[in-house]
């Protein structure tokens, strides 16, 4: 059964296959401003090396720490991978707080499911599994955004209790409670 795990070298081979799938659909191109796009551009030529991949996974895990170096426009972020055994199925990032850019377009949580694993409920399950983690980080309600034309992602967000807020710059913005309705804090 799939689960959210910190980035791990145990899924190296499957991760590489997943990144190849993302690249085949255009991810990593110069105009891809997503986290996964930036990482493909930075690592695609070296991820195959086990030592570089181990450094990459350690770097991703360290990004959750406040003191880790990061660009001034980035906030601490917990990256988790959706894994089933040794199969990498996708990734999810929980940004610990919002800056102006994230408040406008990016939100607290972003996720990607590799193309060959789509349309199987993985994104919905990933987001559901991330909500208690966001709550443990002190986030009562997460902002999750999607492109206006991304009907699948909108359904994922709404299936997890997302309440539509507004549309900005071609993005739909939803607030998703991190605790089940009626739960005591």
N, C-alpha and C. Protein backbone atom coordinates (compact mmCIF):
# COMPACT_ATOMS: atom_id res chain seq x y z
N UNK A 1 0.85 -1.18 0.00
CA UNK A 1 0.00 0.00 0.00
C UNK A 1 0.90 1.24 0.00
N UNK A 2 0.64 2.20 -0.87
CA UNK A 2 1.48 3.39 -0.94
C UNK A 2 1.46 4.19 0.36
N UNK A 3 2.58 4.89 0.60
CA UNK A 3 2.69 5.74 1.78
C UNK A 3 3.60 6.91 1.47
N UNK A 4 3.42 7.99 2.24
CA UNK A 4 4.31 9.14 2.14
C UNK A 4 5.54 8.87 2.99
N UNK A 5 6.71 9.01 2.37
CA UNK A 5 7.98 8.78 3.06
C UNK A 5 8.94 9.92 2.75
N UNK A 6 9.87 10.19 3.66
CA UNK A 6 10.93 11.14 3.30
C UNK A 6 11.70 10.61 2.09
N UNK A 7 12.26 11.47 1.28
CA UNK A 7 13.04 11.02 0.12
C UNK A 7 14.08 9.97 0.54
N UNK A 8 14.17 8.91 -0.25
CA UNK A 8 15.01 7.77 0.10
C UNK A 8 15.72 7.21 -1.13
N UNK A 9 16.93 6.72 -0.92
CA UNK A 9 17.68 6.11 -2.01
C UNK A 9 17.10 4.75 -2.40
N UNK A 10 16.23 4.20 -1.57
CA UNK A 10 15.66 2.87 -1.83
C UNK A 10 14.85 2.81 -3.12
N UNK A 11 14.39 3.95 -3.62
CA UNK A 11 13.57 3.97 -4.84
C UNK A 11 14.31 4.58 -6.02
N UNK A 12 15.64 4.57 -5.97
CA UNK A 12 16.46 5.25 -6.97
C UNK A 12 16.06 4.88 -8.40
N UNK A 13 16.04 3.61 -8.70
CA UNK A 13 15.74 3.16 -10.08
C UNK A 13 14.35 3.63 -10.53
N UNK A 14 13.36 3.45 -9.67
CA UNK A 14 12.00 3.85 -10.01
C UNK A 14 11.88 5.37 -10.12
N UNK A 15 12.58 6.09 -9.25
CA UNK A 15 12.58 7.54 -9.31
C UNK A 15 13.10 8.01 -10.67
N UNK A 16 14.21 7.43 -11.13
CA UNK A 16 14.76 7.80 -12.43
C UNK A 16 13.76 7.57 -13.55
N UNK A 17 13.06 6.43 -13.48
CA UNK A 17 12.04 6.14 -14.50
C UNK A 17 10.92 7.18 -14.44
N UNK A 18 10.53 7.57 -13.23
CA UNK A 18 9.50 8.59 -13.08
C UNK A 18 9.93 9.93 -13.65
N UNK A 19 11.18 10.31 -13.40
CA UNK A 19 11.68 11.58 -13.93
C UNK A 19 11.74 11.56 -15.45
N UNK A 20 12.06 10.40 -16.03
CA UNK A 20 12.04 10.26 -17.49
C UNK A 20 10.63 10.48 -18.01
N UNK A 21 9.63 9.96 -17.29
CA UNK A 21 8.24 10.17 -17.69
C UNK A 21 7.87 11.65 -17.62
N UNK A 22 8.25 12.31 -16.54
CA UNK A 22 7.96 13.74 -16.41
C UNK A 22 8.62 14.53 -17.54
N UNK A 23 9.87 14.21 -17.85
CA UNK A 23 10.57 14.92 -18.92
C UNK A 23 9.90 14.69 -20.27
N UNK A 24 9.37 13.49 -20.50
CA UNK A 24 8.71 13.18 -21.77
C UNK A 24 7.47 14.05 -21.98
N UNK A 25 6.87 14.53 -20.88
CA UNK A 25 5.71 15.40 -21.03
C UNK A 25 6.09 16.88 -20.95
N UNK A 26 7.40 17.17 -20.99
CA UNK A 26 7.86 18.55 -21.04
C UNK A 26 8.32 19.14 -19.73
N UNK A 27 8.25 18.37 -18.64
CA UNK A 27 8.71 18.90 -17.36
C UNK A 27 10.23 19.07 -17.40
N UNK A 28 10.70 20.12 -16.75
CA UNK A 28 12.13 20.41 -16.76
C UNK A 28 12.53 21.37 -17.86
N UNK A 29 11.59 21.73 -18.73
CA UNK A 29 11.89 22.72 -19.76
C UNK A 29 12.14 24.08 -19.11
N UNK A 30 12.76 24.97 -19.83
CA UNK A 30 13.13 26.28 -19.28
C UNK A 30 11.92 27.04 -18.73
N UNK A 31 10.74 26.84 -19.31
CA UNK A 31 9.56 27.57 -18.84
C UNK A 31 8.81 26.85 -17.71
N UNK A 32 9.29 25.69 -17.28
CA UNK A 32 8.66 24.95 -16.18
C UNK A 32 9.19 25.52 -14.87
N UNK A 33 8.36 26.31 -14.21
CA UNK A 33 8.76 26.98 -12.98
C UNK A 33 8.43 26.18 -11.72
N UNK A 34 8.02 24.93 -11.87
CA UNK A 34 7.69 24.10 -10.71
C UNK A 34 8.95 23.61 -10.02
N UNK A 35 8.79 23.12 -8.80
CA UNK A 35 9.92 22.56 -8.06
C UNK A 35 10.51 21.38 -8.83
N UNK A 36 9.65 20.52 -9.33
CA UNK A 36 10.15 19.33 -10.03
C UNK A 36 10.87 19.75 -11.32
N UNK A 37 10.37 20.80 -11.97
CA UNK A 37 11.04 21.30 -13.17
C UNK A 37 12.44 21.80 -12.86
N UNK A 38 12.57 22.57 -11.79
CA UNK A 38 13.88 23.10 -11.40
C UNK A 38 14.84 21.96 -11.03
N UNK A 39 14.33 20.96 -10.33
CA UNK A 39 15.19 19.84 -9.93
C UNK A 39 15.60 18.99 -11.12
N UNK A 40 14.72 18.81 -12.08
CA UNK A 40 15.10 18.08 -13.29
C UNK A 40 16.22 18.83 -14.00
N UNK A 41 16.08 20.13 -14.15
CA UNK A 41 17.13 20.91 -14.82
C UNK A 41 18.46 20.80 -14.06
N UNK A 42 18.39 20.82 -12.74
CA UNK A 42 19.63 20.80 -11.94
C UNK A 42 20.28 19.43 -11.88
N UNK A 43 19.49 18.36 -11.88
CA UNK A 43 20.04 17.03 -11.57
C UNK A 43 19.92 15.99 -12.68
N UNK A 44 19.22 16.26 -13.75
CA UNK A 44 18.95 15.21 -14.73
C UNK A 44 20.20 14.51 -15.26
N UNK A 45 21.30 15.23 -15.33
CA UNK A 45 22.53 14.63 -15.85
C UNK A 45 23.34 13.90 -14.80
N UNK A 46 22.94 13.99 -13.53
CA UNK A 46 23.74 13.37 -12.48
C UNK A 46 22.96 12.47 -11.53
N UNK A 47 21.64 12.46 -11.60
CA UNK A 47 20.82 11.63 -10.71
C UNK A 47 21.19 10.14 -10.81
N UNK A 48 21.64 9.70 -11.98
CA UNK A 48 21.95 8.28 -12.15
C UNK A 48 23.09 7.83 -11.24
N UNK A 49 23.95 8.76 -10.81
CA UNK A 49 25.07 8.44 -9.93
C UNK A 49 24.53 8.24 -8.51
N UNK A 50 24.70 7.05 -7.91
CA UNK A 50 24.15 6.79 -6.57
C UNK A 50 24.62 7.79 -5.51
N UNK A 51 25.84 8.25 -5.59
CA UNK A 51 26.34 9.21 -4.60
C UNK A 51 25.62 10.56 -4.75
N UNK A 52 25.44 11.01 -5.97
CA UNK A 52 24.74 12.27 -6.21
C UNK A 52 23.28 12.13 -5.77
N UNK A 53 22.67 10.98 -6.07
CA UNK A 53 21.28 10.77 -5.68
C UNK A 53 21.14 10.78 -4.16
N UNK A 54 22.08 10.17 -3.45
CA UNK A 54 22.06 10.18 -1.98
C UNK A 54 22.19 11.62 -1.46
N UNK A 55 23.06 12.41 -2.07
CA UNK A 55 23.21 13.82 -1.67
C UNK A 55 21.92 14.59 -1.95
N UNK A 56 21.29 14.30 -3.09
CA UNK A 56 20.02 14.95 -3.45
C UNK A 56 18.93 14.64 -2.42
N UNK A 57 18.78 13.36 -2.06
CA UNK A 57 17.74 13.01 -1.09
C UNK A 57 18.03 13.65 0.27
N UNK A 58 19.29 13.71 0.67
CA UNK A 58 19.66 14.35 1.94
C UNK A 58 19.35 15.85 1.88
N UNK A 59 19.64 16.48 0.73
CA UNK A 59 19.34 17.90 0.56
C UNK A 59 17.84 18.15 0.67
N UNK A 60 17.03 17.30 0.02
CA UNK A 60 15.57 17.47 0.10
C UNK A 60 15.10 17.36 1.55
N UNK A 61 15.59 16.37 2.27
CA UNK A 61 15.18 16.20 3.67
C UNK A 61 15.59 17.41 4.51
N UNK A 62 16.76 17.95 4.23
CA UNK A 62 17.26 19.10 5.00
C UNK A 62 16.45 20.37 4.74
N UNK A 63 15.75 20.46 3.64
CA UNK A 63 14.98 21.67 3.34
C UNK A 63 13.84 21.90 4.33
N UNK A 64 13.52 20.90 5.14
CA UNK A 64 12.50 21.07 6.17
C UNK A 64 13.03 21.84 7.38
N UNK A 65 14.33 21.96 7.48
CA UNK A 65 14.95 22.63 8.63
C UNK A 65 15.04 24.14 8.38
N UNK A 66 14.67 24.90 9.38
CA UNK A 66 14.68 26.36 9.27
C UNK A 66 16.07 26.88 8.89
N UNK A 67 17.11 26.28 9.45
CA UNK A 67 18.46 26.80 9.26
C UNK A 67 19.12 26.36 7.95
N UNK A 68 18.48 25.51 7.18
CA UNK A 68 19.08 25.07 5.92
C UNK A 68 19.18 26.21 4.93
N UNK A 69 20.30 26.26 4.19
CA UNK A 69 20.42 27.32 3.17
C UNK A 69 19.39 27.12 2.05
N UNK A 70 18.84 28.22 1.61
CA UNK A 70 17.86 28.19 0.51
C UNK A 70 17.79 29.57 -0.09
N UNK A 71 17.31 29.68 -1.31
CA UNK A 71 17.15 31.01 -1.90
C UNK A 71 16.25 31.88 -1.00
N UNK A 72 16.46 33.19 -1.00
CA UNK A 72 15.68 34.07 -0.12
C UNK A 72 14.17 34.02 -0.37
N UNK A 73 13.76 33.60 -1.55
CA UNK A 73 12.33 33.53 -1.86
C UNK A 73 11.70 32.21 -1.45
N UNK A 74 12.48 31.28 -0.91
CA UNK A 74 11.96 29.96 -0.51
C UNK A 74 11.77 29.90 0.99
N UNK A 75 10.82 29.07 1.42
CA UNK A 75 10.56 28.85 2.84
C UNK A 75 10.88 27.39 3.17
N UNK A 76 11.04 27.05 4.44
CA UNK A 76 11.24 25.64 4.78
C UNK A 76 10.10 24.79 4.20
N UNK A 77 10.46 23.62 3.72
CA UNK A 77 9.50 22.77 3.03
C UNK A 77 9.80 21.30 3.30
N UNK A 78 8.79 20.57 3.70
CA UNK A 78 8.92 19.13 3.91
C UNK A 78 8.52 18.42 2.63
N UNK A 79 9.48 17.76 1.99
CA UNK A 79 9.20 16.99 0.79
C UNK A 79 9.02 15.53 1.18
N UNK A 80 7.96 14.94 0.66
CA UNK A 80 7.67 13.53 0.91
C UNK A 80 7.40 12.86 -0.43
N UNK A 81 7.80 11.60 -0.51
CA UNK A 81 7.57 10.84 -1.74
C UNK A 81 6.48 9.81 -1.49
N UNK A 82 5.62 9.65 -2.48
CA UNK A 82 4.55 8.65 -2.45
C UNK A 82 5.16 7.38 -3.03
N UNK A 83 5.31 6.37 -2.18
CA UNK A 83 6.08 5.18 -2.52
C UNK A 83 5.24 3.94 -2.20
N UNK A 84 5.33 2.96 -3.08
CA UNK A 84 4.72 1.65 -2.84
C UNK A 84 5.82 0.61 -2.99
N UNK A 85 6.35 0.14 -1.85
CA UNK A 85 7.50 -0.77 -1.89
C UNK A 85 8.70 -0.03 -2.42
N UNK A 86 9.23 -0.49 -3.56
CA UNK A 86 10.37 0.22 -4.16
C UNK A 86 9.95 1.05 -5.37
N UNK A 87 8.64 1.29 -5.49
CA UNK A 87 8.11 2.06 -6.62
C UNK A 87 7.83 3.50 -6.21
N UNK A 88 8.50 4.42 -6.88
CA UNK A 88 8.26 5.86 -6.71
C UNK A 88 7.04 6.23 -7.55
N UNK A 89 6.00 6.77 -6.90
CA UNK A 89 4.77 7.12 -7.60
C UNK A 89 4.55 8.62 -7.73
N UNK A 90 5.16 9.38 -6.84
CA UNK A 90 4.98 10.83 -6.90
C UNK A 90 5.63 11.52 -5.73
N UNK A 91 5.40 12.81 -5.66
CA UNK A 91 6.01 13.63 -4.61
C UNK A 91 5.02 14.67 -4.13
N UNK A 92 5.27 15.16 -2.94
CA UNK A 92 4.43 16.19 -2.36
C UNK A 92 5.33 17.07 -1.49
N UNK A 93 5.11 18.36 -1.53
CA UNK A 93 5.87 19.29 -0.70
C UNK A 93 4.91 20.08 0.17
N UNK A 94 5.22 20.16 1.45
CA UNK A 94 4.46 20.98 2.39
C UNK A 94 5.34 22.17 2.76
N UNK A 95 4.92 23.33 2.33
CA UNK A 95 5.66 24.55 2.68
C UNK A 95 5.19 25.01 4.04
N UNK A 96 6.12 25.23 4.94
CA UNK A 96 5.80 25.46 6.35
C UNK A 96 5.09 26.78 6.61
N UNK A 97 5.25 27.72 5.72
CA UNK A 97 4.56 29.01 5.84
C UNK A 97 4.45 29.61 4.44
N UNK A 98 3.62 30.63 4.34
CA UNK A 98 3.42 31.30 3.06
C UNK A 98 4.19 32.61 3.02
N UNK A 99 4.85 32.85 1.91
CA UNK A 99 5.39 34.18 1.62
C UNK A 99 4.44 34.80 0.59
N UNK A 100 4.75 35.99 0.10
CA UNK A 100 3.84 36.65 -0.84
C UNK A 100 3.59 35.83 -2.08
N UNK A 101 4.64 35.24 -2.65
CA UNK A 101 4.50 34.45 -3.87
C UNK A 101 3.65 33.20 -3.64
N UNK A 102 3.93 32.50 -2.56
CA UNK A 102 3.16 31.28 -2.26
C UNK A 102 1.71 31.62 -1.94
N UNK A 103 1.48 32.72 -1.27
CA UNK A 103 0.12 33.13 -0.94
C UNK A 103 -0.66 33.43 -2.22
N UNK A 104 0.02 33.95 -3.22
CA UNK A 104 -0.63 34.32 -4.48
C UNK A 104 -0.85 33.10 -5.38
N UNK A 105 0.18 32.26 -5.57
CA UNK A 105 0.10 31.22 -6.60
C UNK A 105 0.42 29.80 -6.12
N UNK A 106 1.35 29.63 -5.21
CA UNK A 106 1.86 28.30 -4.92
C UNK A 106 1.15 27.54 -3.81
N UNK A 107 0.80 28.23 -2.75
CA UNK A 107 0.13 27.59 -1.63
C UNK A 107 1.07 26.84 -0.71
N UNK A 108 0.48 26.17 0.28
CA UNK A 108 1.23 25.37 1.24
C UNK A 108 1.67 24.03 0.67
N UNK A 109 0.84 23.43 -0.17
CA UNK A 109 1.11 22.07 -0.64
C UNK A 109 1.08 22.02 -2.16
N UNK A 110 2.10 21.38 -2.70
CA UNK A 110 2.14 21.08 -4.13
C UNK A 110 2.42 19.60 -4.29
N UNK A 111 1.91 19.00 -5.33
CA UNK A 111 2.10 17.56 -5.54
C UNK A 111 2.18 17.24 -7.01
N UNK A 112 2.86 16.13 -7.30
CA UNK A 112 3.00 15.61 -8.66
C UNK A 112 2.91 14.09 -8.60
N UNK A 113 2.15 13.51 -9.49
CA UNK A 113 2.08 12.05 -9.63
C UNK A 113 2.71 11.72 -10.98
N UNK A 114 3.62 10.75 -10.98
CA UNK A 114 4.28 10.41 -12.25
C UNK A 114 3.23 9.95 -13.26
N UNK A 115 3.43 10.26 -14.53
CA UNK A 115 2.41 9.98 -15.54
C UNK A 115 1.87 8.56 -15.55
N UNK A 116 2.72 7.55 -15.40
CA UNK A 116 2.23 6.17 -15.46
C UNK A 116 1.40 5.76 -14.24
N UNK A 117 1.37 6.60 -13.20
CA UNK A 117 0.62 6.27 -11.98
C UNK A 117 -0.63 7.13 -11.83
N UNK A 118 -0.93 7.95 -12.81
CA UNK A 118 -2.08 8.86 -12.71
C UNK A 118 -3.41 8.14 -12.89
N UNK A 119 -4.45 8.81 -12.45
CA UNK A 119 -5.84 8.34 -12.57
C UNK A 119 -6.10 7.07 -11.76
N UNK A 120 -5.38 6.92 -10.66
CA UNK A 120 -5.57 5.78 -9.76
C UNK A 120 -5.85 6.22 -8.33
N UNK A 121 -6.10 7.52 -8.13
CA UNK A 121 -6.41 8.03 -6.80
C UNK A 121 -5.20 8.39 -5.96
N UNK A 122 -4.00 8.33 -6.54
CA UNK A 122 -2.80 8.62 -5.77
C UNK A 122 -2.76 10.06 -5.26
N UNK A 123 -3.10 11.03 -6.09
CA UNK A 123 -3.03 12.43 -5.66
C UNK A 123 -3.99 12.68 -4.51
N UNK A 124 -5.19 12.13 -4.59
CA UNK A 124 -6.17 12.31 -3.50
C UNK A 124 -5.64 11.69 -2.21
N UNK A 125 -5.08 10.50 -2.31
CA UNK A 125 -4.54 9.82 -1.12
C UNK A 125 -3.31 10.55 -0.58
N UNK A 126 -2.46 11.06 -1.46
CA UNK A 126 -1.27 11.81 -1.02
C UNK A 126 -1.68 13.05 -0.23
N UNK A 127 -2.62 13.81 -0.77
CA UNK A 127 -3.04 15.02 -0.09
C UNK A 127 -3.68 14.68 1.25
N UNK A 128 -4.51 13.64 1.29
CA UNK A 128 -5.14 13.23 2.56
C UNK A 128 -4.07 12.84 3.59
N UNK A 129 -3.05 12.13 3.16
CA UNK A 129 -1.99 11.70 4.07
C UNK A 129 -1.14 12.88 4.55
N UNK A 130 -1.07 13.94 3.75
CA UNK A 130 -0.25 15.10 4.11
C UNK A 130 -0.94 16.03 5.10
N UNK A 131 -2.25 16.02 5.15
CA UNK A 131 -2.96 16.97 6.01
C UNK A 131 -2.60 16.84 7.49
N UNK A 132 -2.52 15.63 8.06
CA UNK A 132 -2.11 15.54 9.47
C UNK A 132 -0.66 16.00 9.69
N UNK A 133 0.17 15.82 8.69
CA UNK A 133 1.56 16.28 8.80
C UNK A 133 1.59 17.80 8.83
N UNK A 134 0.79 18.44 7.97
CA UNK A 134 0.69 19.90 7.97
C UNK A 134 0.14 20.39 9.30
N UNK A 135 -0.84 19.69 9.83
CA UNK A 135 -1.39 20.06 11.14
C UNK A 135 -0.31 19.99 12.22
N UNK A 136 0.50 18.95 12.18
CA UNK A 136 1.59 18.80 13.15
C UNK A 136 2.62 19.92 13.02
N UNK A 137 2.72 20.52 11.84
CA UNK A 137 3.61 21.66 11.63
C UNK A 137 2.97 22.98 12.12
N UNK A 138 1.75 22.90 12.62
CA UNK A 138 1.07 24.09 13.13
C UNK A 138 0.22 24.81 12.11
N UNK A 139 -0.08 24.17 11.01
CA UNK A 139 -0.89 24.79 9.96
C UNK A 139 -2.33 24.29 10.11
N UNK A 140 -3.25 25.20 10.41
CA UNK A 140 -4.65 24.82 10.64
C UNK A 140 -5.41 24.56 9.34
N UNK A 141 -5.09 25.33 8.33
CA UNK A 141 -5.75 25.20 7.03
C UNK A 141 -4.71 25.49 5.97
N UNK A 142 -4.58 24.59 5.00
CA UNK A 142 -3.56 24.76 3.97
C UNK A 142 -4.18 25.37 2.72
N UNK A 143 -3.40 26.24 2.10
CA UNK A 143 -3.77 26.79 0.81
C UNK A 143 -3.22 25.84 -0.26
N UNK A 144 -4.09 25.36 -1.13
CA UNK A 144 -3.69 24.49 -2.23
C UNK A 144 -4.25 25.13 -3.51
N UNK A 145 -3.39 25.23 -4.53
CA UNK A 145 -3.81 25.86 -5.77
C UNK A 145 -3.70 24.88 -6.93
N UNK A 146 -4.41 25.19 -7.98
CA UNK A 146 -4.29 24.41 -9.22
C UNK A 146 -4.61 25.31 -10.39
N UNK A 147 -4.15 24.92 -11.56
CA UNK A 147 -4.47 25.68 -12.77
C UNK A 147 -5.98 25.64 -13.00
N UNK A 148 -6.51 26.70 -13.57
CA UNK A 148 -7.94 26.80 -13.82
C UNK A 148 -8.46 25.61 -14.62
N UNK A 149 -7.67 25.13 -15.57
CA UNK A 149 -8.13 24.05 -16.44
C UNK A 149 -7.76 22.65 -15.94
N UNK A 150 -7.21 22.54 -14.74
CA UNK A 150 -6.82 21.23 -14.21
C UNK A 150 -7.96 20.65 -13.38
N UNK A 151 -8.91 20.04 -14.08
CA UNK A 151 -10.11 19.50 -13.44
C UNK A 151 -9.74 18.39 -12.45
N UNK A 152 -8.78 17.54 -12.81
CA UNK A 152 -8.38 16.45 -11.93
C UNK A 152 -7.84 16.96 -10.61
N UNK A 153 -6.98 17.95 -10.64
CA UNK A 153 -6.42 18.49 -9.41
C UNK A 153 -7.50 19.19 -8.58
N UNK A 154 -8.40 19.86 -9.25
CA UNK A 154 -9.51 20.50 -8.52
C UNK A 154 -10.31 19.44 -7.78
N UNK A 155 -10.57 18.32 -8.41
CA UNK A 155 -11.32 17.23 -7.75
C UNK A 155 -10.55 16.67 -6.56
N UNK A 156 -9.22 16.54 -6.71
CA UNK A 156 -8.37 16.07 -5.61
C UNK A 156 -8.54 16.98 -4.40
N UNK A 157 -8.44 18.28 -4.65
CA UNK A 157 -8.52 19.26 -3.57
C UNK A 157 -9.90 19.24 -2.92
N UNK A 158 -10.94 19.25 -3.74
CA UNK A 158 -12.31 19.24 -3.21
C UNK A 158 -12.61 17.94 -2.47
N UNK A 159 -12.06 16.82 -2.94
CA UNK A 159 -12.27 15.53 -2.26
C UNK A 159 -11.66 15.52 -0.87
N UNK A 160 -10.69 16.40 -0.64
CA UNK A 160 -10.05 16.49 0.66
C UNK A 160 -10.58 17.66 1.49
N UNK A 161 -11.76 18.15 1.12
CA UNK A 161 -12.41 19.20 1.91
C UNK A 161 -12.05 20.61 1.50
N UNK A 162 -11.41 20.77 0.35
CA UNK A 162 -11.00 22.10 -0.10
C UNK A 162 -12.21 22.99 -0.37
N UNK A 163 -12.12 24.21 0.14
CA UNK A 163 -13.16 25.21 -0.05
C UNK A 163 -12.61 26.29 -0.98
N UNK A 164 -13.28 26.50 -2.10
CA UNK A 164 -12.84 27.48 -3.08
C UNK A 164 -12.79 28.87 -2.46
N UNK A 165 -11.67 29.57 -2.69
CA UNK A 165 -11.50 30.94 -2.20
C UNK A 165 -11.65 31.92 -3.36
N UNK A 166 -10.74 31.82 -4.34
CA UNK A 166 -10.82 32.71 -5.48
C UNK A 166 -9.90 32.22 -6.60
N UNK A 167 -9.88 32.99 -7.68
CA UNK A 167 -8.99 32.73 -8.82
C UNK A 167 -8.05 33.90 -8.97
N UNK A 168 -6.75 33.59 -9.11
CA UNK A 168 -5.74 34.63 -9.31
C UNK A 168 -4.73 34.16 -10.34
N UNK A 169 -4.50 34.97 -11.32
CA UNK A 169 -3.46 34.70 -12.32
C UNK A 169 -3.55 33.30 -12.91
N UNK A 170 -4.76 32.85 -13.21
CA UNK A 170 -4.95 31.54 -13.83
C UNK A 170 -4.90 30.38 -12.86
N UNK A 171 -4.89 30.67 -11.57
CA UNK A 171 -4.85 29.62 -10.54
C UNK A 171 -6.12 29.70 -9.69
N UNK A 172 -6.69 28.54 -9.41
CA UNK A 172 -7.79 28.44 -8.46
C UNK A 172 -7.17 28.22 -7.08
N UNK A 173 -7.68 28.90 -6.07
CA UNK A 173 -7.14 28.80 -4.72
C UNK A 173 -8.19 28.20 -3.79
N UNK A 174 -7.77 27.20 -3.04
CA UNK A 174 -8.65 26.50 -2.11
C UNK A 174 -7.99 26.44 -0.73
N UNK A 175 -8.80 26.51 0.31
CA UNK A 175 -8.33 26.29 1.67
C UNK A 175 -8.84 24.93 2.12
N UNK A 176 -7.92 24.12 2.63
CA UNK A 176 -8.24 22.75 3.06
C UNK A 176 -7.92 22.64 4.55
N UNK A 177 -8.91 22.29 5.38
CA UNK A 177 -8.62 22.13 6.81
C UNK A 177 -7.69 20.94 7.03
N UNK A 178 -6.77 21.08 7.97
CA UNK A 178 -5.82 20.00 8.23
C UNK A 178 -6.34 19.00 9.26
N UNK A 179 -7.33 19.41 10.04
CA UNK A 179 -7.93 18.51 11.03
C UNK A 179 -9.33 18.13 10.56
N UNK A 180 -9.73 16.90 10.81
CA UNK A 180 -11.09 16.51 10.44
C UNK A 180 -12.11 17.43 11.10
N UNK A 181 -13.20 17.71 10.39
CA UNK A 181 -14.26 18.56 10.92
C UNK A 181 -14.76 17.97 12.24
N UNK A 182 -14.88 18.83 13.23
CA UNK A 182 -15.40 18.39 14.53
C UNK A 182 -14.35 17.82 15.46
N UNK A 183 -13.10 17.77 15.06
CA UNK A 183 -12.07 17.22 15.94
C UNK A 183 -11.62 18.28 16.93
N UNK A 184 -11.26 17.85 18.09
CA UNK A 184 -10.76 18.76 19.13
C UNK A 184 -9.26 18.92 18.97
N UNK A 185 -8.80 20.10 19.22
CA UNK A 185 -7.36 20.38 19.15
C UNK A 185 -6.79 20.30 20.54
